[in-house]
Amino acid sequence: MPTVEANGIEIHYTVEGAGPPLLMLHGATSTAEEDWSAQRPLFRKAFRIHLIDARGHGRTRWDVRNGFNRDMLVDDLLGFADALGLTTFHVVGFSMGAMTALTFATRFPARLRTAIICGIDIQREPRSSVARRLMDPERILREEPEWAAQLERRHAVQGEGAWQRLLPAIVDDVAGQELLTFAELRRVRLPVLLVYGDRDVFVPADHAVAIDRQLPDARLLIAPDSPHQVMVSQPALFNQAAANFYRSTEPVARQRAQQGAHAGDGAALLDPVTAVAAVPAGSPDESDPFTIW
């Protein structure tokens, strides 16, 4: 598996496919390969996908006793993109990864072609209270031994029992991180797809609507009968929404890529964009990787 030195750590990732770069960020306690398993076969037909393990997760070693917060993850994303020479790129993030992506978009909007943001809030509650309850290691060991064993296997590289330190660090970060403001969201001037489940215990639907109203160029999907992990519980719906989003925003993404490549910041020029072209409804194109439904 490839690694890259960025922001003082060795970041592990999986890379698949060919085409425009797409960075895929996972949720807390998980890995990108697991969270995005239902999207990988489709997305790698249209993009060169990079499934990144966040610090302290999976194979990216980090002792959370040395610190763990959202800003570290944002800096890791920036360092990762810079190390690979990605002047601009697409990003997809879920939960913790969505917070990383959304915060990155408020700080470095010119670096992104598009963003898919799934299952994150900019309000403290109920996210913080739910995280505190669900991510209690003692409760998990007592009530969910199968999940405890899964967490041990998933983060084995971090050392025995490392997940029992990771979860409280995540909870503390959620409780204490500086919240994004509406003014910051209005700086995200790029195509964004917001995806939420109508039964998401972390993010009430009205909170998702509030985020959507502040983003200059956003589309909102609230998936019916779906919990937090829409891409897992409703993969066909998620993939269809993503396909429609990428088709409809391809001209803008192409333009943003070209602008980024000629920004004059000393970064290497990108290869020509080979994103999926928009296809009129009812006119399937067999060359379109997303025309598989």
Protein backbone atom coordinates (compact mmCIF):
# COMPACT_ATOMS: atom_id res chain seq x y z
CA MET A 1 0.00 0.00 0.00
CA PRO A 2 1.39 3.45 -0.89
CA THR A 3 2.33 6.02 1.74
CA VAL A 4 3.20 9.70 1.61
CA GLU A 5 5.09 11.86 4.07
CA ALA A 6 2.90 14.85 4.87
CA ASN A 7 2.45 17.20 7.81
CA GLY A 8 5.01 15.28 9.86
CA ILE A 9 3.40 11.84 9.57
CA GLU A 10 3.34 8.93 7.13
CA ILE A 11 -0.15 8.78 5.62
CA HIS A 12 -1.30 5.44 4.24
CA TYR A 13 -3.74 5.32 1.38
CA THR A 14 -5.11 3.10 -1.38
CA VAL A 15 -5.21 4.40 -4.94
CA GLU A 16 -7.41 2.98 -7.71
CA GLY A 17 -8.65 3.94 -11.15
CA ALA A 18 -7.66 6.64 -13.62
CA GLY A 19 -8.92 10.14 -14.29
CA PRO A 20 -9.29 13.32 -12.23
CA PRO A 21 -8.08 13.00 -8.62
CA LEU A 22 -10.73 12.24 -5.99
CA LEU A 23 -9.74 12.10 -2.32
CA MET A 24 -12.09 10.02 -0.12
CA LEU A 25 -12.16 10.65 3.64
CA HIS A 26 -13.72 8.31 6.18
CA GLY A 27 -15.64 8.72 9.43
CA ALA A 28 -14.37 8.49 12.99
CA THR A 29 -13.17 5.01 14.11
CA SER A 30 -13.33 3.66 10.53
CA THR A 31 -11.16 3.52 7.40
CA ALA A 32 -11.74 4.83 3.89
CA GLU A 33 -11.68 1.35 2.33
CA GLU A 34 -14.50 0.26 4.62
CA ASP A 35 -16.67 3.38 4.56
CA TRP A 36 -16.53 3.73 0.78
CA SER A 37 -16.58 0.04 -0.20
CA ALA A 38 -19.91 0.39 -2.03
CA GLN A 39 -18.66 3.40 -4.03
CA ARG A 40 -15.21 2.18 -5.04
CA PRO A 41 -16.21 0.01 -8.05
CA LEU A 42 -18.14 2.89 -9.64
CA PHE A 43 -15.98 5.85 -8.70
CA ARG A 44 -12.72 4.31 -9.90
CA LYS A 45 -14.20 4.07 -13.40
CA ALA A 46 -14.38 7.86 -13.59
CA PHE A 47 -11.69 9.04 -11.18
CA ARG A 48 -8.30 8.22 -9.75
CA ILE A 49 -9.53 7.66 -6.21
CA HIS A 50 -7.35 8.02 -3.12
CA LEU A 51 -8.77 6.26 -0.04
CA ILE A 52 -6.94 7.90 2.85
CA ASP A 53 -6.54 6.63 6.42
CA ALA A 54 -6.74 9.54 8.85
CA ARG A 55 -4.07 9.86 11.53
CA GLY A 56 -4.63 7.40 14.37
CA HIS A 57 -6.88 5.29 12.14
CA GLY A 58 -6.17 2.16 10.13
CA ARG A 59 -2.57 2.13 8.93
CA THR A 60 -1.71 5.80 9.49
CA ARG A 61 0.23 5.66 12.73
CA TRP A 62 -0.39 8.36 15.30
CA ASP A 63 -0.55 8.29 19.10
CA VAL A 64 -3.54 10.45 20.01
CA ARG A 65 -1.88 11.23 23.34
CA ASN A 66 0.20 13.64 21.25
CA GLY A 67 -2.97 15.44 20.19
CA PHE A 68 -5.92 14.86 17.91
CA ASN A 69 -8.22 17.50 16.45
CA ARG A 70 -9.98 18.66 13.32
CA ASP A 71 -7.30 21.20 12.40
CA MET A 72 -4.66 18.45 12.35
CA LEU A 73 -6.81 16.50 9.90
CA VAL A 74 -7.29 19.55 7.68
CA ASP A 75 -3.54 20.16 7.65
CA ASP A 76 -3.03 16.47 6.84
CA LEU A 77 -5.33 16.79 3.82
CA LEU A 78 -3.48 19.85 2.61
CA GLY A 79 -0.12 18.17 3.11
CA PHE A 80 -1.30 15.01 1.34
CA ALA A 81 -2.50 16.95 -1.72
CA ASP A 82 0.68 19.01 -1.84
CA ALA A 83 2.90 15.93 -1.53
CA LEU A 84 1.17 14.35 -4.53
CA GLY A 85 1.22 17.58 -6.53
CA LEU A 86 -2.57 17.87 -6.64
CA THR A 87 -3.16 21.54 -7.32
CA THR A 88 -6.92 20.93 -7.41
CA PHE A 89 -8.97 17.82 -6.72
CA HIS A 90 -12.42 16.46 -5.92
CA VAL A 91 -13.14 15.43 -2.32
CA VAL A 92 -15.71 13.17 -0.68
CA GLY A 93 -16.02 13.04 3.09
CA PHE A 94 -18.18 11.22 5.58
CA SER A 95 -18.81 12.38 9.17
CA MET A 96 -15.35 13.17 10.63
CA GLY A 97 -14.01 13.14 7.06
CA ALA A 98 -16.84 15.44 6.00
CA MET A 99 -15.86 17.91 8.71
CA THR A 100 -12.30 17.76 7.42
CA ALA A 101 -13.47 18.33 3.84
CA LEU A 102 -15.93 21.11 4.71
CA THR A 103 -13.41 22.96 6.86
CA PHE A 104 -10.80 22.58 4.09
CA ALA A 105 -13.33 24.03 1.64
CA THR A 106 -13.81 27.13 3.81
CA ARG A 107 -10.03 27.71 3.99
CA PHE A 108 -8.83 26.59 0.57
CA PRO A 109 -11.85 26.68 -1.77
CA ALA A 110 -9.67 27.25 -4.85
CA ARG A 111 -8.01 23.85 -4.30
CA LEU A 112 -11.27 21.95 -4.79
CA ARG A 113 -13.14 21.10 -7.96
CA THR A 114 -16.20 19.69 -6.16
CA ALA A 115 -17.08 18.32 -2.72
CA ILE A 116 -19.52 15.69 -1.47
CA ILE A 117 -20.24 16.23 2.22
CA CYS A 118 -22.05 13.40 4.00
CA GLY A 119 -23.35 13.34 7.57
CA ILE A 120 -21.76 16.30 9.35
CA ASP A 121 -23.13 19.26 11.30
CA ILE A 122 -21.74 22.68 12.17
CA GLN A 123 -23.72 22.75 15.41
CA ARG A 124 -22.38 21.18 18.60
CA GLU A 125 -25.50 19.28 19.56
CA PRO A 126 -26.75 16.63 19.28
CA ARG A 127 -23.47 15.54 17.66
CA SER A 128 -21.36 15.90 20.81
CA SER A 129 -23.79 14.14 23.15
CA VAL A 130 -24.35 11.25 20.75
CA ALA A 131 -20.61 10.81 20.22
CA ARG A 132 -20.00 10.79 23.97
CA ARG A 133 -22.59 8.07 24.45
CA LEU A 134 -21.71 5.86 21.49
CA MET A 135 -17.92 6.17 21.67
CA ASP A 136 -17.48 5.20 25.31
CA PRO A 137 -14.87 2.39 25.32
CA GLU A 138 -16.12 0.90 28.60
CA ARG A 139 -19.67 0.70 27.26
CA ILE A 140 -18.46 -0.82 23.98
CA LEU A 141 -16.43 -3.50 25.80
CA ARG A 142 -19.37 -4.29 28.04
CA GLU A 143 -22.28 -4.10 25.57
CA GLU A 144 -20.76 -4.48 22.07
CA PRO A 145 -17.86 -6.94 22.25
CA GLU A 146 -18.07 -7.63 18.51
CA TRP A 147 -17.52 -3.95 17.73
CA ALA A 148 -14.69 -3.85 20.25
CA ALA A 149 -13.00 -6.75 18.46
CA GLN A 150 -13.55 -5.04 15.11
CA LEU A 151 -11.99 -1.82 16.38
CA GLU A 152 -9.01 -3.77 17.71
CA ARG A 153 -8.48 -5.43 14.32
CA ARG A 154 -9.10 -2.24 12.35
CA HIS A 155 -6.52 -0.21 14.27
CA ALA A 156 -4.08 -3.00 15.17
CA VAL A 157 -1.19 -1.09 13.59
CA GLN A 158 -1.64 1.62 16.23
CA GLY A 159 -0.87 -0.83 19.05
CA GLU A 160 -2.92 -3.04 21.33
CA GLY A 161 -5.88 -1.19 22.81
CA ALA A 162 -5.10 2.01 20.90
CA TRP A 163 -8.73 2.41 19.89
CA GLN A 164 -9.64 2.87 23.57
CA ARG A 165 -7.56 6.05 23.54
CA LEU A 166 -8.69 7.11 20.07
CA LEU A 167 -12.42 7.24 20.82
CA PRO A 168 -12.19 9.60 23.82
CA ALA A 169 -9.85 11.83 21.79
CA ILE A 170 -12.48 12.04 19.05
CA VAL A 171 -15.20 12.82 21.58
CA ASP A 172 -13.10 15.58 23.14
CA ASP A 173 -12.43 17.10 19.74
CA VAL A 174 -16.12 17.14 18.81
CA ALA A 175 -16.94 18.78 22.16
CA GLY A 176 -14.24 21.43 21.90
CA GLN A 177 -13.55 22.20 18.24
CA GLU A 178 -14.28 25.71 17.00
CA LEU A 179 -17.55 25.64 15.09
CA LEU A 180 -17.79 26.71 11.48
CA THR A 181 -19.91 29.80 10.94
CA PHE A 182 -22.44 30.70 8.27
CA ALA A 183 -20.02 33.36 7.05
CA GLU A 184 -17.35 30.71 6.54
CA LEU A 185 -19.78 28.46 4.67
CA ARG A 186 -20.58 31.29 2.28
CA ARG A 187 -16.91 31.27 1.22
CA VAL A 188 -17.31 27.74 -0.17
CA ARG A 189 -17.92 28.84 -3.75
CA LEU A 190 -17.72 25.48 -5.50
CA PRO A 191 -20.21 22.74 -6.37
CA VAL A 192 -21.22 20.81 -3.23
CA LEU A 193 -23.49 17.82 -2.75
CA LEU A 194 -24.81 17.41 0.80
CA VAL A 195 -26.05 13.94 1.76
CA TYR A 196 -27.86 13.12 5.01
CA GLY A 197 -30.09 10.38 6.34
CA ASP A 198 -33.51 11.32 7.66
CA ARG A 199 -32.81 9.16 10.74
CA ASP A 200 -29.27 10.43 11.40
CA VAL A 201 -28.93 10.71 15.19
CA PHE A 202 -25.92 13.02 14.78
CA VAL A 203 -27.48 15.56 12.39
CA PRO A 204 -31.19 16.51 12.45
CA ALA A 205 -32.63 17.18 9.00
CA ASP A 206 -33.31 20.84 9.75
CA HIS A 207 -29.60 21.31 10.55
CA ALA A 208 -28.75 19.90 7.11
CA VAL A 209 -31.19 22.34 5.50
CA ALA A 210 -29.55 25.23 7.35
CA ILE A 211 -26.13 24.25 5.98
CA ASP A 212 -27.53 23.93 2.47
CA ARG A 213 -28.99 27.44 2.60
CA GLN A 214 -25.60 29.00 3.37
CA LEU A 215 -23.53 27.30 0.68
CA PRO A 216 -23.51 29.30 -2.59
CA ASP A 217 -23.68 26.27 -4.91
CA ALA A 218 -25.13 23.29 -3.04
CA ARG A 219 -27.55 20.45 -3.65
CA LEU A 220 -29.14 18.61 -0.73
CA LEU A 221 -30.20 14.96 -0.55
CA ILE A 222 -31.97 13.74 2.58
CA ALA A 223 -32.22 9.99 2.11
CA PRO A 224 -35.45 8.39 3.33
CA ASP A 225 -35.36 5.68 5.97
CA SER A 226 -31.62 6.06 6.37
CA PRO A 227 -29.32 6.45 9.39
CA HIS A 228 -25.93 8.19 9.59
CA GLN A 229 -24.11 6.14 6.94
CA VAL A 230 -26.21 6.84 3.87
CA MET A 231 -23.55 5.49 1.50
CA VAL A 232 -23.72 2.15 3.37
CA SER A 233 -27.45 1.91 4.09
CA GLN A 234 -28.57 3.28 0.69
CA PRO A 235 -25.63 2.72 -1.67
CA ALA A 236 -27.65 2.74 -4.90
CA LEU A 237 -29.34 6.01 -3.98
CA PHE A 238 -26.04 7.57 -2.89
CA ASN A 239 -24.26 6.45 -6.06
CA GLN A 240 -27.06 7.72 -8.29
CA ALA A 241 -27.02 11.10 -6.57
CA ALA A 242 -23.24 11.28 -6.88
CA ALA A 243 -23.38 10.34 -10.56
CA ASN A 244 -25.96 13.02 -11.30
CA PHE A 245 -23.92 15.54 -9.33
CA TYR A 246 -20.70 14.80 -11.21
CA ARG A 247 -22.43 14.87 -14.59
CA SER A 248 -24.12 18.21 -13.93
CA THR A 249 -21.02 19.89 -12.47
CA GLU A 250 -18.41 18.56 -14.91
CA PRO A 251 -18.07 21.83 -16.89
CA VAL A 252 -17.52 23.81 -13.69
CA ALA A 253 -15.09 21.22 -12.33
CA ARG A 254 -13.13 21.33 -15.59
CA GLN A 255 -12.94 25.11 -15.42
CA ARG A 256 -11.84 25.07 -11.78
CA ALA A 257 -9.12 22.55 -12.63
CA GLN A 258 -7.83 24.72 -15.46
CA GLN A 259 -7.86 27.82 -13.30
CA GLY A 260 -6.00 26.00 -10.54
CA ALA A 261 -3.37 24.70 -12.94
CA HIS A 262 -2.65 28.24 -14.13
CA ALA A 263 -2.87 29.92 -10.74
CA GLY A 264 0.82 30.83 -10.86
CA ASP A 265 1.54 29.51 -7.36
CA GLY A 266 4.50 27.41 -8.49
CA ALA A 267 2.59 24.11 -8.39
CA ALA A 268 2.99 21.65 -11.24
CA LEU A 269 0.35 21.79 -13.95
CA LEU A 270 -2.32 19.13 -13.83
CA ASP A 271 -2.88 16.62 -16.56
CA PRO A 272 -5.88 17.44 -18.78
CA VAL A 273 -9.15 16.76 -16.98
CA THR A 274 -10.93 13.63 -18.14
CA ALA A 275 -14.04 14.01 -15.99
CA VAL A 276 -17.33 12.52 -17.06
CA ALA A 277 -19.18 14.68 -19.58
CA ALA A 278 -22.73 15.73 -18.89
CA VAL A 279 -25.27 13.40 -20.47
CA PRO A 280 -28.81 14.60 -21.26
CA ALA A 281 -31.53 12.77 -19.38
CA GLY A 282 -32.84 9.85 -21.36
CA SER A 283 -29.76 9.69 -23.58
CA PRO A 284 -27.46 7.10 -22.02
CA ASP A 285 -23.89 7.04 -23.27
CA GLU A 286 -22.05 3.74 -22.96
CA SER A 287 -18.76 5.63 -22.62
CA ASP A 288 -20.08 7.31 -19.47
CA PRO A 289 -18.84 5.29 -16.45
CA PHE A 290 -21.92 6.32 -14.49
CA THR A 291 -24.42 4.96 -17.04
CA ILE A 292 -24.70 1.58 -15.34
CA TRP A 293 -28.02 1.76 -13.53
